[in-house]
C-alpha atoms as a PDB file:
ATOM      1  CA  UNK A   1      90.003   0.613 -71.872  1.00  0.00           C
ATOM      2  CA  UNK A   2      91.585  -0.945 -68.797  1.00  0.00           C
ATOM      3  CA  UNK A   3      93.152  -4.301 -68.002  1.00  0.00           C
ATOM      4  CA  UNK A   4      90.231  -5.671 -66.006  1.00  0.00           C
ATOM      5  CA  UNK A   5      88.212  -8.252 -67.881  1.00  0.00           C
ATOM      6  CA  UNK A   6      84.866  -9.870 -67.195  1.00  0.00           C
ATOM      7  CA  UNK A   7      86.457 -13.311 -67.109  1.00  0.00           C
ATOM      8  CA  UNK A   8      87.265 -14.374 -63.556  1.00  0.00           C
ATOM      9  CA  UNK A   9      90.392 -16.560 -63.184  1.00  0.00           C
ATOM     10  CA  UNK A  10      90.621 -19.286 -60.593  1.00  0.00           C
ATOM     11  CA  UNK A  11      90.874 -17.982 -57.032  1.00  0.00           C
ATOM     12  CA  UNK A  12      94.278 -18.296 -55.480  1.00  0.00           C
ATOM     13  CA  UNK A  13      94.503 -21.344 -53.300  1.00  0.00           C
ATOM     14  CA  UNK A  14      95.078 -19.656 -49.949  1.00  0.00           C
ATOM     15  CA  UNK A  15      92.273 -17.120 -50.331  1.00  0.00           C
ATOM     16  CA  UNK A  16      89.798 -19.797 -51.414  1.00  0.00           C
ATOM     17  CA  UNK A  17      90.705 -21.911 -48.408  1.00  0.00           C
ATOM     18  CA  UNK A  18      90.080 -18.949 -46.151  1.00  0.00           C
ATOM     19  CA  UNK A  19      86.720 -18.333 -47.748  1.00  0.00           C
ATOM     20  CA  UNK A  20      85.678 -21.965 -47.329  1.00  0.00           C
ATOM     21  CA  UNK A  21      86.642 -21.876 -43.679  1.00  0.00           C
ATOM     22  CA  UNK A  22      84.522 -18.761 -43.177  1.00  0.00           C
ATOM     23  CA  UNK A  23      81.598 -20.321 -45.044  1.00  0.00           C
ATOM     24  CA  UNK A  24      81.726 -23.301 -42.699  1.00  0.00           C
ATOM     25  CA  UNK A  25      81.856 -20.960 -39.738  1.00  0.00           C
ATOM     26  CA  UNK A  26      78.872 -18.985 -40.984  1.00  0.00           C
ATOM     27  CA  UNK A  27      76.890 -22.180 -41.427  1.00  0.00           C
ATOM     28  CA  UNK A  28      77.417 -22.846 -37.734  1.00  0.00           C
ATOM     29  CA  UNK A  29      76.220 -19.361 -36.833  1.00  0.00           C
ATOM     30  CA  UNK A  30      72.692 -20.164 -38.016  1.00  0.00           C
ATOM     31  CA  UNK A  31      72.236 -21.719 -34.580  1.00  0.00           C
ATOM     32  CA  UNK A  32      73.146 -18.387 -32.980  1.00  0.00           C
ATOM     33  CA  UNK A  33      71.368 -16.108 -35.423  1.00  0.00           C
ATOM     34  CA  UNK A  34      68.142 -18.087 -35.213  1.00  0.00           C
ATOM     35  CA  UNK A  35      65.998 -20.541 -37.116  1.00  0.00           C
ATOM     36  CA  UNK A  36      64.943 -17.915 -39.628  1.00  0.00           C
ATOM     37  CA  UNK A  37      68.411 -18.068 -41.149  1.00  0.00           C
ATOM     38  CA  UNK A  38      68.137 -21.751 -42.051  1.00  0.00           C
ATOM     39  CA  UNK A  39      67.555 -22.083 -45.766  1.00  0.00           C
ATOM     40  CA  UNK A  40      65.578 -24.695 -47.671  1.00  0.00           C
ATOM     41  CA  UNK A  41      67.644 -25.407 -50.767  1.00  0.00           C
ATOM     42  CA  UNK A  42      64.512 -26.153 -52.778  1.00  0.00           C
ATOM     43  CA  UNK A  43      63.307 -22.588 -52.324  1.00  0.00           C
ATOM     44  CA  UNK A  44      66.210 -20.720 -53.899  1.00  0.00           C
ATOM     45  CA  UNK A  45      69.388 -21.115 -55.903  1.00  0.00           C
ATOM     46  CA  UNK A  46      71.852 -23.396 -54.073  1.00  0.00           C
ATOM     47  CA  UNK A  47      74.937 -21.484 -55.125  1.00  0.00           C
ATOM     48  CA  UNK A  48      73.535 -18.169 -53.946  1.00  0.00           C
ATOM     49  CA  UNK A  49      72.430 -19.716 -50.661  1.00  0.00           C
ATOM     50  CA  UNK A  50      75.817 -21.276 -49.926  1.00  0.00           C
ATOM     51  CA  UNK A  51      78.121 -18.451 -51.082  1.00  0.00           C
ATOM     52  CA  UNK A  52      76.272 -15.336 -49.866  1.00  0.00           C
ATOM     53  CA  UNK A  53      75.189 -14.508 -46.315  1.00  0.00           C
ATOM     54  CA  UNK A  54      72.817 -12.229 -44.497  1.00  0.00           C
ATOM     55  CA  UNK A  55      74.135  -9.216 -42.649  1.00  0.00           C
ATOM     56  CA  UNK A  56      73.608 -11.013 -39.337  1.00  0.00           C
ATOM     57  CA  UNK A  57      75.598 -14.040 -40.499  1.00  0.00           C
ATOM     58  CA  UNK A  58      78.444 -11.880 -41.819  1.00  0.00           C
ATOM     59  CA  UNK A  59      78.598 -10.049 -38.500  1.00  0.00           C
ATOM     60  CA  UNK A  60      78.738 -13.292 -36.529  1.00  0.00           C
ATOM     61  CA  UNK A  61      81.588 -14.631 -38.654  1.00  0.00           C
ATOM     62  CA  UNK A  62      83.497 -11.369 -38.323  1.00  0.00           C
ATOM     63  CA  UNK A  63      83.349 -11.444 -34.543  1.00  0.00           C
ATOM     64  CA  UNK A  64      85.220 -14.743 -34.657  1.00  0.00           C
ATOM     65  CA  UNK A  65      87.819 -13.409 -37.133  1.00  0.00           C
ATOM     66  CA  UNK A  66      88.374 -10.220 -35.158  1.00  0.00           C
ATOM     67  CA  UNK A  67      88.920 -12.083 -31.878  1.00  0.00           C
ATOM     68  CA  UNK A  68      90.494 -15.388 -32.925  1.00  0.00           C
ATOM     69  CA  UNK A  69      91.303 -15.259 -36.636  1.00  0.00           C
ATOM     70  CA  UNK A  70      94.660 -15.849 -38.269  1.00  0.00           C
ATOM     71  CA  UNK A  71      96.790 -13.085 -39.818  1.00  0.00           C
ATOM     72  CA  UNK A  72      97.618 -12.755 -43.469  1.00  0.00           C
ATOM     73  CA  UNK A  73     100.465 -15.037 -44.410  1.00  0.00           C
ATOM     74  CA  UNK A  74     103.016 -12.362 -45.344  1.00  0.00           C
ATOM     75  CA  UNK A  75     101.907  -9.021 -43.898  1.00  0.00           C
ATOM     76  CA  UNK A  76     103.821  -5.843 -44.540  1.00  0.00           C
ATOM     77  CA  UNK A  77     106.041  -4.985 -41.571  1.00  0.00           C
ATOM     78  CA  UNK A  78     104.787  -1.455 -41.484  1.00  0.00           C
ATOM     79  CA  UNK A  79     104.133  -0.704 -37.802  1.00  0.00           C
ATOM     80  CA  UNK A  80     106.705   2.101 -37.793  1.00  0.00           C
ATOM     81  CA  UNK A  81     104.534   3.992 -40.267  1.00  0.00           C
ATOM     82  CA  UNK A  82     101.968   4.518 -37.501  1.00  0.00           C
ATOM     83  CA  UNK A  83     104.389   6.596 -35.445  1.00  0.00           C
ATOM     84  CA  UNK A  84     107.015   7.936 -37.821  1.00  0.00           C
ATOM     85  CA  UNK A  85     107.349   8.444 -41.546  1.00  0.00           C
ATOM     86  CA  UNK A  86     110.050   5.931 -42.319  1.00  0.00           C
ATOM     87  CA  UNK A  87     110.011   3.796 -45.432  1.00  0.00           C
ATOM     88  CA  UNK A  88     110.507   0.098 -44.931  1.00  0.00           C
ATOM     89  CA  UNK A  89     111.778  -2.876 -46.904  1.00  0.00           C
ATOM     90  CA  UNK A  90     109.785  -5.720 -48.389  1.00  0.00           C
ATOM     91  CA  UNK A  91     112.420  -8.384 -47.783  1.00  0.00           C
ATOM     92  CA  UNK A  92     115.373  -7.445 -49.966  1.00  0.00           C
ATOM     93  CA  UNK A  93     113.252  -6.664 -53.011  1.00  0.00           C
ATOM     94  CA  UNK A  94     112.315  -2.987 -52.700  1.00  0.00           C
ATOM     95  CA  UNK A  95     111.425  -0.198 -50.310  1.00  0.00           C
ATOM     96  CA  UNK A  96     107.785   0.664 -49.620  1.00  0.00           C
ATOM     97  CA  UNK A  97     106.833   4.264 -48.769  1.00  0.00           C
ATOM     98  CA  UNK A  98     104.887   4.856 -45.583  1.00  0.00           C
ATOM     99  CA  UNK A  99     102.529   7.055 -47.578  1.00  0.00           C
ATOM    100  CA  UNK A 100     101.262   3.925 -49.302  1.00  0.00           C
ATOM    101  CA  UNK A 101     100.314   2.317 -45.973  1.00  0.00           C
ATOM    102  CA  UNK A 102      99.028   5.528 -44.411  1.00  0.00           C
ATOM    103  CA  UNK A 103      96.703   6.224 -47.336  1.00  0.00           C
ATOM    104  CA  UNK A 104      95.320   2.670 -47.346  1.00  0.00           C
ATOM    105  CA  UNK A 105      94.620   3.018 -43.625  1.00  0.00           C
ATOM    106  CA  UNK A 106      92.814   6.279 -44.323  1.00  0.00           C
ATOM    107  CA  UNK A 107      90.771   4.650 -47.095  1.00  0.00           C
ATOM    108  CA  UNK A 108      89.674   1.832 -44.805  1.00  0.00           C
ATOM    109  CA  UNK A 109      88.719   4.228 -42.015  1.00  0.00           C
ATOM    110  CA  UNK A 110      86.667   6.372 -44.410  1.00  0.00           C
ATOM    111  CA  UNK A 111      84.982   3.307 -45.901  1.00  0.00           C
ATOM    112  CA  UNK A 112      83.961   2.078 -42.472  1.00  0.00           C
ATOM    113  CA  UNK A 113      82.870   5.570 -41.497  1.00  0.00           C
ATOM    114  CA  UNK A 114      80.412   5.999 -44.388  1.00  0.00           C
ATOM    115  CA  UNK A 115      79.129   2.421 -44.343  1.00  0.00           C
ATOM    116  CA  UNK A 116      80.736   1.346 -47.623  1.00  0.00           C
ATOM    117  CA  UNK A 117      82.320  -1.476 -45.608  1.00  0.00           C
ATOM    118  CA  UNK A 118      81.496  -2.791 -42.183  1.00  0.00           C
ATOM    119  CA  UNK A 119      84.161  -5.431 -41.631  1.00  0.00           C
ATOM    120  CA  UNK A 120      87.702  -6.048 -42.838  1.00  0.00           C
ATOM    121  CA  UNK A 121      87.611  -9.687 -43.874  1.00  0.00           C
ATOM    122  CA  UNK A 122      86.749 -11.929 -46.771  1.00  0.00           C
ATOM    123  CA  UNK A 123      82.966 -11.791 -46.550  1.00  0.00           C
ATOM    124  CA  UNK A 124      82.952  -7.992 -46.768  1.00  0.00           C
ATOM    125  CA  UNK A 125      86.099  -5.988 -47.627  1.00  0.00           C
ATOM    126  CA  UNK A 126      89.482  -7.636 -47.983  1.00  0.00           C
ATOM    127  CA  UNK A 127      91.146  -6.508 -51.208  1.00  0.00           C
ATOM    128  CA  UNK A 128      91.791  -3.693 -53.646  1.00  0.00           C
ATOM    129  CA  UNK A 129      93.064  -3.293 -57.198  1.00  0.00           C
ATOM    130  CA  UNK A 130      95.735  -0.671 -57.916  1.00  0.00           C
ATOM    131  CA  UNK A 131      95.667   1.606 -60.929  1.00  0.00           C
ATOM    132  CA  UNK A 132      97.395   4.608 -62.487  1.00  0.00           C
ATOM    133  CA  UNK A 133      96.232   6.974 -65.233  1.00  0.00           C
ATOM    134  CA  UNK A 134      96.640   5.327 -68.619  1.00  0.00           C
ATOM    135  CA  UNK A 135      98.637   8.249 -69.994  1.00  0.00           C
ATOM    136  CA  UNK A 136     101.087   7.916 -67.082  1.00  0.00           C
ATOM    137  CA  UNK A 137     101.266   4.162 -67.549  1.00  0.00           C
ATOM    138  CA  UNK A 138     102.086   4.495 -71.239  1.00  0.00           C
ATOM    139  CA  UNK A 139     104.745   7.144 -70.595  1.00  0.00           C
ATOM    140  CA  UNK A 140     106.475   5.865 -67.471  1.00  0.00           C
ATOM    141  CA  UNK A 141     105.736   2.228 -66.680  1.00  0.00           C
ATOM    142  CA  UNK A 142     104.713   0.019 -69.573  1.00  0.00           C
ATOM    143  CA  UNK A 143     108.262  -0.660 -70.687  1.00  0.00           C
ATOM    144  CA  UNK A 144     109.777  -1.202 -67.252  1.00  0.00           C
ATOM    145  CA  UNK A 145     110.827  -4.706 -66.175  1.00  0.00           C
ATOM    146  CA  UNK A 146     107.964  -6.289 -64.209  1.00  0.00           C
ATOM    147  CA  UNK A 147     110.052  -6.299 -61.016  1.00  0.00           C
ATOM    148  CA  UNK A 148     110.333  -2.502 -61.150  1.00  0.00           C
ATOM    149  CA  UNK A 149     106.717  -1.614 -61.875  1.00  0.00           C
ATOM    150  CA  UNK A 150     105.081  -2.027 -58.472  1.00  0.00           C
ATOM    151  CA  UNK A 151     107.817  -0.183 -56.535  1.00  0.00           C
ATOM    152  CA  UNK A 152     107.462   2.692 -59.010  1.00  0.00           C
ATOM    153  CA  UNK A 153     103.671   3.032 -59.084  1.00  0.00           C
ATOM    154  CA  UNK A 154     103.516   2.961 -55.260  1.00  0.00           C
ATOM    155  CA  UNK A 155     105.103   6.388 -55.338  1.00  0.00           C
ATOM    156  CA  UNK A 156     103.061   7.796 -58.202  1.00  0.00           C
ATOM    157  CA  UNK A 157     100.880  10.743 -57.137  1.00  0.00           C
ATOM    158  CA  UNK A 158      98.124   9.556 -59.480  1.00  0.00           C
ATOM    159  CA  UNK A 159      97.868   6.092 -57.894  1.00  0.00           C
ATOM    160  CA  UNK A 160      94.345   4.871 -56.987  1.00  0.00           C
ATOM    161  CA  UNK A 161      92.901   1.773 -55.333  1.00  0.00           C
ATOM    162  CA  UNK A 162      89.592   0.211 -56.368  1.00  0.00           C
ATOM    163  CA  UNK A 163      87.935  -1.547 -53.426  1.00  0.00           C
ATOM    164  CA  UNK A 164      85.099  -4.065 -53.644  1.00  0.00           C
ATOM    165  CA  UNK A 165      83.179  -4.573 -50.415  1.00  0.00           C
ATOM    166  CA  UNK A 166      80.097  -6.625 -49.449  1.00  0.00           C
ATOM    167  CA  UNK A 167      81.751  -9.504 -51.301  1.00  0.00           C
ATOM    168  CA  UNK A 168      79.474 -12.233 -49.967  1.00  0.00           C
ATOM    169  CA  UNK A 169      76.505 -10.220 -48.756  1.00  0.00           C
ATOM    170  CA  UNK A 170      72.958 -11.256 -49.590  1.00  0.00           C
ATOM    171  CA  UNK A 171      70.318  -8.572 -49.268  1.00  0.00           C
ATOM    172  CA  UNK A 172      67.257 -10.837 -48.945  1.00  0.00           C
ATOM    173  CA  UNK A 173      65.989 -12.749 -45.952  1.00  0.00           C
ATOM    174  CA  UNK A 174      66.604 -16.480 -46.361  1.00  0.00           C
ATOM    175  CA  UNK A 175      63.105 -17.480 -45.338  1.00  0.00           C
ATOM    176  CA  UNK A 176      60.794 -14.750 -46.590  1.00  0.00           C
ATOM    177  CA  UNK A 177      62.836 -13.293 -49.460  1.00  0.00           C
ATOM    178  CA  UNK A 178      62.182  -9.784 -48.129  1.00  0.00           C
ATOM    179  CA  UNK A 179      64.853  -7.241 -49.048  1.00  0.00           C
ATOM    180  CA  UNK A 180      66.838  -5.926 -46.107  1.00  0.00           C
ATOM    181  CA  UNK A 181      66.952  -2.156 -46.721  1.00  0.00           C
ATOM    182  CA  UNK A 182      70.135  -1.656 -44.686  1.00  0.00           C
ATOM    183  CA  UNK A 183      71.923  -4.491 -46.488  1.00  0.00           C
ATOM    184  CA  UNK A 184      70.859  -3.088 -49.852  1.00  0.00           C
ATOM    185  CA  UNK A 185      72.211   0.337 -48.918  1.00  0.00           C
ATOM    186  CA  UNK A 186      75.480  -1.349 -47.898  1.00  0.00           C
ATOM    187  CA  UNK A 187      75.676  -3.210 -51.208  1.00  0.00           C
ATOM    188  CA  UNK A 188      75.029  -0.039 -53.208  1.00  0.00           C
ATOM    189  CA  UNK A 189      78.214   1.481 -51.708  1.00  0.00           C
ATOM    190  CA  UNK A 190      80.355  -1.547 -52.417  1.00  0.00           C
ATOM    191  CA  UNK A 191      82.537   0.017 -55.133  1.00  0.00           C
ATOM    192  CA  UNK A 192      84.988   2.541 -53.734  1.00  0.00           C
ATOM    193  CA  UNK A 193      87.857   4.460 -55.317  1.00  0.00           C
ATOM    194  CA  UNK A 194      90.629   5.537 -52.972  1.00  0.00           C
ATOM    195  CA  UNK A 195      93.172   8.205 -53.861  1.00  0.00           C
ATOM    196  CA  UNK A 196      96.761   8.379 -52.601  1.00  0.00           C
ATOM    197  CA  UNK A 197      97.002  12.156 -52.709  1.00  0.00           C
ATOM    198  CA  UNK A 198      94.846  12.925 -49.672  1.00  0.00           C
ATOM    199  CA  UNK A 199      91.519  13.272 -51.431  1.00  0.00           C
ATOM    200  CA  UNK A 200      88.507  11.605 -49.794  1.00  0.00           C
ATOM    201  CA  UNK A 201      87.330   8.242 -51.095  1.00  0.00           C
ATOM    202  CA  UNK A 202      84.757   8.210 -53.877  1.00  0.00           C
ATOM    203  CA  UNK A 203      81.723   5.901 -53.857  1.00  0.00           C
ATOM    204  CA  UNK A 204      81.225   4.757 -57.454  1.00  0.00           C
ATOM    205  CA  UNK A 205      77.875   4.243 -59.177  1.00  0.00           C
ATOM    206  CA  UNK A 206      76.660   0.746 -58.245  1.00  0.00           C
ATOM    207  CA  UNK A 207      76.425  -2.045 -60.807  1.00  0.00           C
ATOM    208  CA  UNK A 208      72.757  -2.782 -61.703  1.00  0.00           C
ATOM    209  CA  UNK A 209      73.203  -6.393 -60.580  1.00  0.00           C
ATOM    210  CA  UNK A 210      75.082  -5.559 -57.411  1.00  0.00           C
ATOM    211  CA  UNK A 211      78.424  -6.794 -58.768  1.00  0.00           C
ATOM    212  CA  UNK A 212      81.841  -5.224 -58.411  1.00  0.00           C
ATOM    213  CA  UNK A 213      82.595  -2.683 -61.111  1.00  0.00           C
ATOM    214  CA  UNK A 214      85.770  -2.394 -63.156  1.00  0.00           C
ATOM    215  CA  UNK A 215      88.448   0.231 -62.725  1.00  0.00           C
ATOM    216  CA  UNK A 216      87.084   3.582 -63.996  1.00  0.00           C
ATOM    217  CA  UNK A 217      87.877   4.619 -67.519  1.00  0.00           C
ATOM    218  CA  UNK A 218      91.190   6.377 -67.873  1.00  0.00           C
ATOM    219  CA  UNK A 219      93.066   4.124 -65.438  1.00  0.00           C
ATOM    220  CA  UNK A 220      95.306   1.165 -66.064  1.00  0.00           C
ATOM    221  CA  UNK A 221      94.978  -1.633 -63.495  1.00  0.00           C
ATOM    222  CA  UNK A 222      98.111  -3.237 -62.131  1.00  0.00           C
ATOM    223  CA  UNK A 223      98.354  -5.639 -59.202  1.00  0.00           C
ATOM    224  CA  UNK A 224      96.745  -4.969 -55.825  1.00  0.00           C
ATOM    225  CA  UNK A 225      96.751  -5.841 -52.155  1.00  0.00           C
ATOM    226  CA  UNK A 226      94.766  -7.624 -49.456  1.00  0.00           C
ATOM    227  CA  UNK A 227      93.941  -6.659 -45.898  1.00  0.00           C
ATOM    228  CA  UNK A 228      92.475  -8.511 -42.958  1.00  0.00           C
ATOM    229  CA  UNK A 229      91.424  -7.699 -39.407  1.00  0.00           C
ATOM    230  CA  UNK A 230      93.144  -9.882 -36.829  1.00  0.00           C
ATOM    231  CA  UNK A 231      93.806  -9.701 -33.079  1.00  0.00           C
ATOM    232  CA  UNK A 232      97.526  -9.859 -33.880  1.00  0.00           C
ATOM    233  CA  UNK A 233      97.434  -7.332 -36.700  1.00  0.00           C
ATOM    234  CA  UNK A 234     100.393  -4.990 -37.034  1.00  0.00           C
ATOM    235  CA  UNK A 235      98.407  -1.893 -38.032  1.00  0.00           C
ATOM    236  CA  UNK A 236      95.386  -0.266 -36.469  1.00  0.00           C
ATOM    237  CA  UNK A 237      92.743   2.369 -37.022  1.00  0.00           C
ATOM    238  CA  UNK A 238      90.329   3.917 -34.561  1.00  0.00           C
ATOM    239  CA  UNK A 239      86.692   4.663 -35.284  1.00  0.00           C
ATOM    240  CA  UNK A 240      83.769   5.486 -32.985  1.00  0.00           C
ATOM    241  CA  UNK A 241      85.649   4.544 -29.819  1.00  0.00           C
ATOM    242  CA  UNK A 242      86.743   1.189 -31.188  1.00  0.00           C
ATOM    243  CA  UNK A 243      90.116   0.058 -32.485  1.00  0.00           C
ATOM    244  CA  UNK A 244      90.505  -2.306 -35.426  1.00  0.00           C
ATOM    245  CA  UNK A 245      93.837  -4.120 -35.769  1.00  0.00           C
ATOM    246  CA  UNK A 246      94.671  -5.424 -39.224  1.00  0.00           C
ATOM    247  CA  UNK A 247      97.380  -6.331 -41.717  1.00  0.00           C
ATOM    248  CA  UNK A 248      98.098  -5.475 -45.343  1.00  0.00           C
ATOM    249  CA  UNK A 249      99.788  -7.801 -47.819  1.00  0.00           C
ATOM    250  CA  UNK A 250     100.780  -7.201 -51.440  1.00  0.00           C
ATOM    251  CA  UNK A 251      99.278  -9.466 -54.063  1.00  0.00           C
ATOM    252  CA  UNK A 252     101.713 -12.280 -54.617  1.00  0.00           C
ATOM    253  CA  UNK A 253     103.178 -12.037 -51.112  1.00  0.00           C
ATOM    254  CA  UNK A 254     100.149 -13.552 -49.424  1.00  0.00           C
ATOM    255  CA  UNK A 255     100.150 -16.549 -51.747  1.00  0.00           C
ATOM    256  CA  UNK A 256     103.954 -16.963 -51.563  1.00  0.00           C
ATOM    257  CA  UNK A 257     104.314 -15.851 -55.178  1.00  0.00           C
ATOM    258  CA  UNK A 258     106.718 -13.213 -56.455  1.00  0.00           C
ATOM    259  CA  UNK A 259     106.030 -10.445 -58.957  1.00  0.00           C
ATOM    260  CA  UNK A 260     108.114 -11.937 -61.728  1.00  0.00           C
ATOM    261  CA  UNK A 261     105.757 -11.906 -64.683  1.00  0.00           C
ATOM    262  CA  UNK A 262     103.808  -9.270 -66.524  1.00  0.00           C
ATOM    263  CA  UNK A 263     100.908 -11.697 -66.426  1.00  0.00           C
ATOM    264  CA  UNK A 264     100.537 -10.896 -62.717  1.00  0.00           C
ATOM    265  CA  UNK A 265      99.319  -7.381 -63.430  1.00  0.00           C
ATOM    266  CA  UNK A 266      96.086  -8.088 -61.650  1.00  0.00           C
ATOM    267  CA  UNK A 267      95.897 -11.166 -59.466  1.00  0.00           C
ATOM    268  CA  UNK A 268      92.348 -10.732 -58.187  1.00  0.00           C
ATOM    269  CA  UNK A 269      89.408  -9.744 -60.335  1.00  0.00           C
ATOM    270  CA  UNK A 270      85.962  -8.529 -59.386  1.00  0.00           C
ATOM    271  CA  UNK A 271      83.039 -10.897 -59.762  1.00  0.00           C
END
């Protein structure tokens, strides 16, 4: 049993605004992508048509984000971790180990490398849920004050991150309804477990309906983080002769909230 539930709470205001901006941008890209991307709302479900986008539309939106998009609101100031192993402070609250940032960067690079994600932004991959083994949670963390939990689990060798990618990807052509084989393969890799002990990422068994899966059995979910590619990003990774600059923000930081309540154990749920 883990703390993820099937009930989805209301999206946090800042992330929803970002999604709506991207949706508006993607609507404009139909002119660039071509007339075949224009959808007749009488032919298919309106919600699906307006909230999910073809691979070509997602790519067009990402090009804008990568070149002109805004940064996360409160990114971790972790640039030193790229060149030296030196822990850094999150304001005056607690110290964050560079290993945490380094392993996330490795996860993202591996995800991009195997095609589990293609872009680091809201329409594809932009968040992860943290978890620790339930036995470890019960022994070490469940009775800690909420303000001490996240700093502690960041250093736990059993820490994992559950990533959901292809967040707004549709695998069918808007006009013909034909399944895009490459998009389907992308969607089937959308659930990824990242380890913080150097092990390679693990692609989880896909959900039959293409949805994001819950944290694997045996793990307790607690909080998470977001990430976003941006031309002014503080971090970077290199892959196939290209460099992706991006930022990472802890859940709560990016919405100007503070981890002050046990009810904030998981601030973003899978669909």
